Amino acid sequence: MTCLPTSVAFLTRIPVPQRWTGGAETVGQSARWFPLVGLLIGAAYWAVFRAASSVLPVLVAAILVVAMEALLTGALHMDGLADMADGFGGGHTRADVLRIMRDHAIGTYGAATLLLTILLKVAAIVGLAETRRADMWLLLAPCIARWATACMGFAFPYARKTEQEGASGTGGVARFVGWREASIATIITLSAALALGAWRGLAAFGLVVLLSTLFGRWSLRRIGGVTGDTIGACTEISETMVLLTALVLR
């Protein structure tokens, strides 16, 4: 458990003592605990939703949950989603895509994709509130999605292969995720999915495994592997898809 604070420092803006932070290799080894950090993020979602929905309309509470995600994570995965949408939407060659994704200015593709994803997430939370299952899925969705954060870099090569192309960030960290980290992250996620969602949780996890595989293969075809932006985008979309899947499986 010694790497758990490192994973908290990497995935959230929660203050962590300096001794628990480190370079890409240290953070990569902490990836085994990313799903646990996802449960922590989910607990924050649940607390905000519970508090807000007791005094405000459900729609407002759902918006506040998404705002909590942006605040708690520093919009880490939202930024990756916007950057990937701009790069994959506007780039024609591998070099174009990587160059555009490195530019942190949000273009039309990025803005539209991010807005639509946020709207889907808010709508899904509102729908789940009507089924009285929002509590369970608010806890589980970020946990399953952070499994993708931990394991995509293990399953696919890193696209920015040279120091000049960049070796920091989520993509650079992913190079140091090995069998042990991926296995522990998977066991934690499966356990949480089964405990919180029974067969529905396992079905949602299976969907994220499929989505991550397709996402990774798409990235492999376009840019030769994954980067921090593509991993972040997959994480954000996975969290949204888990919530939408929960509506179908009610």
Protein backbone atom coordinates (compact mmCIF):
# COMPACT_ATOMS: atom_id res chain seq x y z
CA MET A 1 0.00 0.00 0.00
CA THR A 2 3.00 2.32 0.10
CA CYS A 3 2.31 3.48 -3.47
CA LEU A 4 -1.29 4.46 -2.72
CA PRO A 5 -0.47 8.09 -1.75
CA THR A 6 1.54 8.39 -4.97
CA SER A 7 -1.47 7.35 -7.02
CA VAL A 8 -3.64 9.82 -5.11
CA ALA A 9 -1.17 12.61 -5.87
CA PHE A 10 -1.09 11.70 -9.56
CA LEU A 11 -4.82 11.29 -10.21
CA THR A 12 -6.21 14.01 -7.94
CA ARG A 13 -5.46 17.44 -6.52
CA ILE A 14 -5.62 16.15 -2.95
CA PRO A 15 -2.53 17.43 -1.11
CA VAL A 16 0.01 14.66 -0.50
CA PRO A 17 3.40 15.01 1.29
CA GLN A 18 6.26 15.57 -1.12
CA ARG A 19 7.95 12.29 -0.18
CA TRP A 20 5.07 10.37 -1.76
CA THR A 21 5.45 12.03 -5.15
CA GLY A 22 7.98 10.81 -7.69
CA GLY A 23 8.93 10.37 -11.32
CA ALA A 24 7.25 8.40 -14.06
CA GLU A 25 8.61 5.03 -12.87
CA THR A 26 7.35 5.53 -9.30
CA VAL A 27 3.92 6.63 -10.48
CA GLY A 28 3.78 3.73 -12.94
CA GLN A 29 4.33 1.29 -10.09
CA SER A 30 1.52 2.98 -8.15
CA ALA A 31 -0.93 2.30 -11.01
CA ARG A 32 -2.02 -0.89 -9.24
CA TRP A 33 -3.98 1.34 -6.84
CA PHE A 34 -5.65 3.57 -9.47
CA PRO A 35 -9.02 1.76 -9.11
CA LEU A 36 -8.91 2.40 -5.34
CA VAL A 37 -8.36 6.08 -6.06
CA GLY A 38 -11.34 5.79 -8.38
CA LEU A 39 -13.42 4.58 -5.43
CA LEU A 40 -12.20 7.59 -3.45
CA ILE A 41 -13.28 9.89 -6.28
CA GLY A 42 -16.58 8.02 -6.42
CA ALA A 43 -17.09 8.61 -2.69
CA ALA A 44 -16.71 12.34 -3.36
CA TYR A 45 -19.29 12.09 -6.17
CA TRP A 46 -21.68 10.27 -3.84
CA ALA A 47 -21.25 12.80 -1.02
CA VAL A 48 -21.85 15.77 -3.33
CA PHE A 49 -24.87 14.14 -4.94
CA ARG A 50 -26.40 13.15 -1.63
CA ALA A 51 -25.91 16.58 -0.08
CA ALA A 52 -27.00 18.55 -3.14
CA SER A 53 -30.02 16.43 -4.09
CA SER A 54 -31.47 16.80 -0.60
CA VAL A 55 -31.95 20.54 -1.11
CA LEU A 56 -31.66 21.11 -4.87
CA PRO A 57 -33.21 19.64 -8.04
CA VAL A 58 -31.58 16.42 -9.23
CA LEU A 59 -30.33 18.11 -12.40
CA VAL A 60 -28.40 20.67 -10.37
CA ALA A 61 -26.99 17.91 -8.16
CA ALA A 62 -25.81 16.00 -11.24
CA ILE A 63 -24.07 19.09 -12.60
CA LEU A 64 -22.36 19.57 -9.24
CA VAL A 65 -21.06 15.98 -9.39
CA VAL A 66 -19.39 16.69 -12.72
CA ALA A 67 -18.04 19.95 -11.31
CA MET A 68 -16.59 17.97 -8.40
CA GLU A 69 -14.83 15.69 -10.89
CA ALA A 70 -13.20 18.68 -12.58
CA LEU A 71 -12.21 20.19 -9.24
CA LEU A 72 -10.95 16.99 -7.62
CA THR A 73 -8.96 15.72 -10.62
CA GLY A 74 -7.87 19.07 -12.05
CA ALA A 75 -9.91 18.13 -15.15
CA LEU A 76 -7.07 15.70 -15.95
CA HIS A 77 -9.06 13.32 -18.13
CA MET A 78 -11.33 16.02 -19.54
CA ASP A 79 -8.23 17.75 -20.87
CA GLY A 80 -7.06 14.50 -22.46
CA LEU A 81 -10.45 13.97 -24.09
CA ALA A 82 -10.46 17.46 -25.61
CA ASP A 83 -6.86 17.16 -26.81
CA MET A 84 -7.46 13.76 -28.40
CA ALA A 85 -10.62 14.94 -30.15
CA ASP A 86 -8.75 17.90 -31.62
CA GLY A 87 -5.78 15.77 -32.66
CA PHE A 88 -7.68 12.85 -34.15
CA GLY A 89 -10.28 15.13 -35.69
CA GLY A 90 -7.92 17.70 -37.19
CA GLY A 91 -4.70 15.76 -37.84
CA HIS A 92 -4.06 13.91 -41.09
CA THR A 93 -0.66 12.37 -40.34
CA ARG A 94 0.82 10.89 -37.18
CA ALA A 95 3.00 13.96 -36.71
CA ASP A 96 -0.01 16.27 -37.15
CA VAL A 97 -2.05 14.40 -34.57
CA LEU A 98 0.74 14.39 -31.97
CA ARG A 99 1.48 18.07 -32.57
CA ILE A 100 -2.16 19.10 -32.20
CA MET A 101 -2.63 17.00 -29.06
CA ARG A 102 0.37 18.72 -27.48
CA ASP A 103 -1.28 22.13 -28.04
CA HIS A 104 -3.40 22.73 -24.94
CA ALA A 105 -5.68 25.22 -26.69
CA ILE A 106 -9.12 23.65 -27.22
CA GLY A 107 -10.42 23.61 -30.78
CA THR A 108 -13.85 22.90 -32.22
CA TYR A 109 -13.55 19.11 -32.10
CA GLY A 110 -12.34 19.19 -28.51
CA ALA A 111 -14.98 21.63 -27.29
CA ALA A 112 -17.83 19.74 -28.95
CA THR A 113 -16.66 16.34 -27.70
CA LEU A 114 -16.14 17.57 -24.15
CA LEU A 115 -19.51 19.33 -24.04
CA LEU A 116 -21.38 16.30 -25.38
CA THR A 117 -19.62 13.97 -22.92
CA ILE A 118 -20.47 16.21 -19.97
CA LEU A 119 -24.10 16.43 -21.09
CA LEU A 120 -24.30 12.64 -21.42
CA LYS A 121 -22.80 12.19 -17.98
CA VAL A 122 -25.21 14.66 -16.37
CA ALA A 123 -28.19 13.08 -18.15
CA ALA A 124 -27.09 9.59 -17.05
CA ILE A 125 -26.81 10.65 -13.40
CA VAL A 126 -30.28 12.20 -13.54
CA GLY A 127 -31.66 9.03 -15.08
CA LEU A 128 -30.00 6.85 -12.45
CA ALA A 129 -31.44 9.02 -9.69
CA GLU A 130 -34.89 8.12 -10.98
CA THR A 131 -34.07 4.42 -10.66
CA ARG A 132 -32.68 4.89 -7.13
CA ARG A 133 -29.36 3.34 -8.18
CA ALA A 134 -27.28 6.48 -8.53
CA ASP A 135 -25.37 5.88 -5.27
CA MET A 136 -23.89 2.54 -6.34
CA TRP A 137 -22.90 3.69 -9.83
CA LEU A 138 -21.42 6.98 -8.71
CA LEU A 139 -19.02 4.91 -6.60
CA LEU A 140 -18.34 2.27 -9.23
CA ALA A 141 -18.03 4.28 -12.46
CA PRO A 142 -14.80 6.13 -11.59
CA CYS A 143 -13.29 2.93 -10.17
CA ILE A 144 -13.83 0.98 -13.39
CA ALA A 145 -12.71 3.93 -15.50
CA ARG A 146 -9.42 4.23 -13.58
CA TRP A 147 -8.74 0.62 -14.44
CA ALA A 148 -8.44 1.84 -18.03
CA THR A 149 -6.01 4.54 -16.86
CA ALA A 150 -3.85 1.87 -15.24
CA CYS A 151 -3.94 -0.81 -17.91
CA MET A 152 -4.07 0.83 -21.35
CA GLY A 153 -0.38 1.69 -21.31
CA PHE A 154 0.44 -1.88 -20.31
CA ALA A 155 -1.57 -3.33 -23.17
CA PHE A 156 -0.41 -0.94 -25.91
CA PRO A 157 2.92 0.68 -26.87
CA TYR A 158 3.71 4.27 -26.01
CA ALA A 159 3.36 6.51 -29.07
CA ARG A 160 5.85 9.23 -28.11
CA LYS A 161 8.97 7.10 -28.26
CA THR A 162 11.66 9.76 -28.01
CA GLU A 163 12.52 12.27 -25.32
CA GLN A 164 11.91 15.04 -27.84
CA GLU A 165 8.34 13.84 -28.40
CA GLY A 166 7.71 13.83 -24.65
CA ALA A 167 8.02 11.21 -21.95
CA SER A 168 6.12 12.68 -19.02
CA GLY A 169 2.42 12.70 -18.19
CA THR A 170 0.06 9.74 -18.15
CA GLY A 171 1.51 8.23 -21.33
CA GLY A 172 5.08 8.36 -20.04
CA VAL A 173 3.98 6.83 -16.76
CA ALA A 174 2.20 4.03 -18.59
CA ARG A 175 5.53 2.71 -19.87
CA PHE A 176 6.32 1.56 -16.33
CA VAL A 177 3.08 -0.34 -15.72
CA GLY A 178 3.94 -4.04 -15.64
CA TRP A 179 2.15 -7.35 -15.16
CA ARG A 180 1.96 -6.95 -11.38
CA GLU A 181 0.40 -3.48 -11.56
CA ALA A 182 -2.10 -4.50 -14.24
CA SER A 183 -3.05 -7.70 -12.39
CA ILE A 184 -3.62 -5.98 -9.04
CA ALA A 185 -5.62 -3.18 -10.68
CA THR A 186 -7.79 -5.78 -12.42
CA ILE A 187 -8.40 -7.78 -9.24
CA ILE A 188 -9.40 -4.64 -7.33
CA THR A 189 -11.75 -3.54 -10.11
CA LEU A 190 -13.39 -6.95 -10.48
CA SER A 191 -13.88 -7.17 -6.71
CA ALA A 192 -15.47 -3.72 -6.54
CA ALA A 193 -17.66 -4.41 -9.58
CA LEU A 194 -18.91 -7.67 -8.06
CA ALA A 195 -19.40 -6.27 -4.55
CA LEU A 196 -21.18 -3.08 -5.60
CA GLY A 197 -22.92 -4.05 -8.82
CA ALA A 198 -23.09 -7.88 -8.91
CA TRP A 199 -23.61 -9.03 -12.51
CA ARG A 200 -24.37 -5.49 -13.63
CA GLY A 201 -21.00 -4.33 -12.33
CA LEU A 202 -19.22 -7.17 -14.11
CA ALA A 203 -21.08 -6.34 -17.33
CA ALA A 204 -20.03 -2.69 -17.05
CA PHE A 205 -16.43 -3.74 -16.47
CA GLY A 206 -16.55 -6.01 -19.51
CA LEU A 207 -17.80 -3.08 -21.60
CA VAL A 208 -14.88 -0.93 -20.45
CA VAL A 209 -12.42 -3.71 -21.29
CA LEU A 210 -13.90 -3.83 -24.80
CA LEU A 211 -13.94 -0.05 -25.11
CA SER A 212 -10.33 0.23 -23.96
CA THR A 213 -9.27 -2.43 -26.45
CA LEU A 214 -10.98 -0.66 -29.34
CA PHE A 215 -9.62 2.70 -28.18
CA GLY A 216 -6.11 1.33 -27.96
CA ARG A 217 -6.27 -0.27 -31.40
CA TRP A 218 -7.57 2.97 -32.88
CA SER A 219 -4.69 4.88 -31.30
CA LEU A 220 -2.26 2.24 -32.51
CA ARG A 221 -3.49 2.63 -36.06
CA ARG A 222 -3.48 6.43 -36.03
CA ILE A 223 -0.34 7.31 -34.05
CA GLY A 224 1.45 4.06 -33.33
CA GLY A 225 0.36 3.67 -29.71
CA VAL A 226 -1.18 5.47 -26.76
CA THR A 227 -0.34 8.78 -25.10
CA GLY A 228 -1.47 10.50 -21.94
CA ASP A 229 -4.21 12.23 -23.92
CA THR A 230 -5.62 9.05 -25.44
CA ILE A 231 -5.52 7.28 -22.06
CA GLY A 232 -7.24 10.26 -20.43
CA ALA A 233 -9.86 10.34 -23.16
CA CYS A 234 -10.55 6.62 -22.74
CA THR A 235 -10.89 7.10 -18.98
CA GLU A 236 -13.39 9.94 -19.35
CA ILE A 237 -15.45 8.09 -21.95
CA SER A 238 -15.32 4.87 -19.92
CA GLU A 239 -16.74 6.62 -16.86
CA THR A 240 -19.55 8.04 -18.96
CA MET A 241 -20.24 4.69 -20.62
CA VAL A 242 -20.48 2.92 -17.26
CA LEU A 243 -23.16 5.38 -16.16
CA LEU A 244 -25.04 4.96 -19.45
CA THR A 245 -24.75 1.17 -19.24
CA ALA A 246 -26.24 1.30 -15.76
CA LEU A 247 -29.34 2.90 -17.25
CA VAL A 248 -29.71 0.06 -19.75
CA LEU A 249 -29.16 -2.64 -17.11
CA ARG A 250 -31.61 -1.28 -14.56
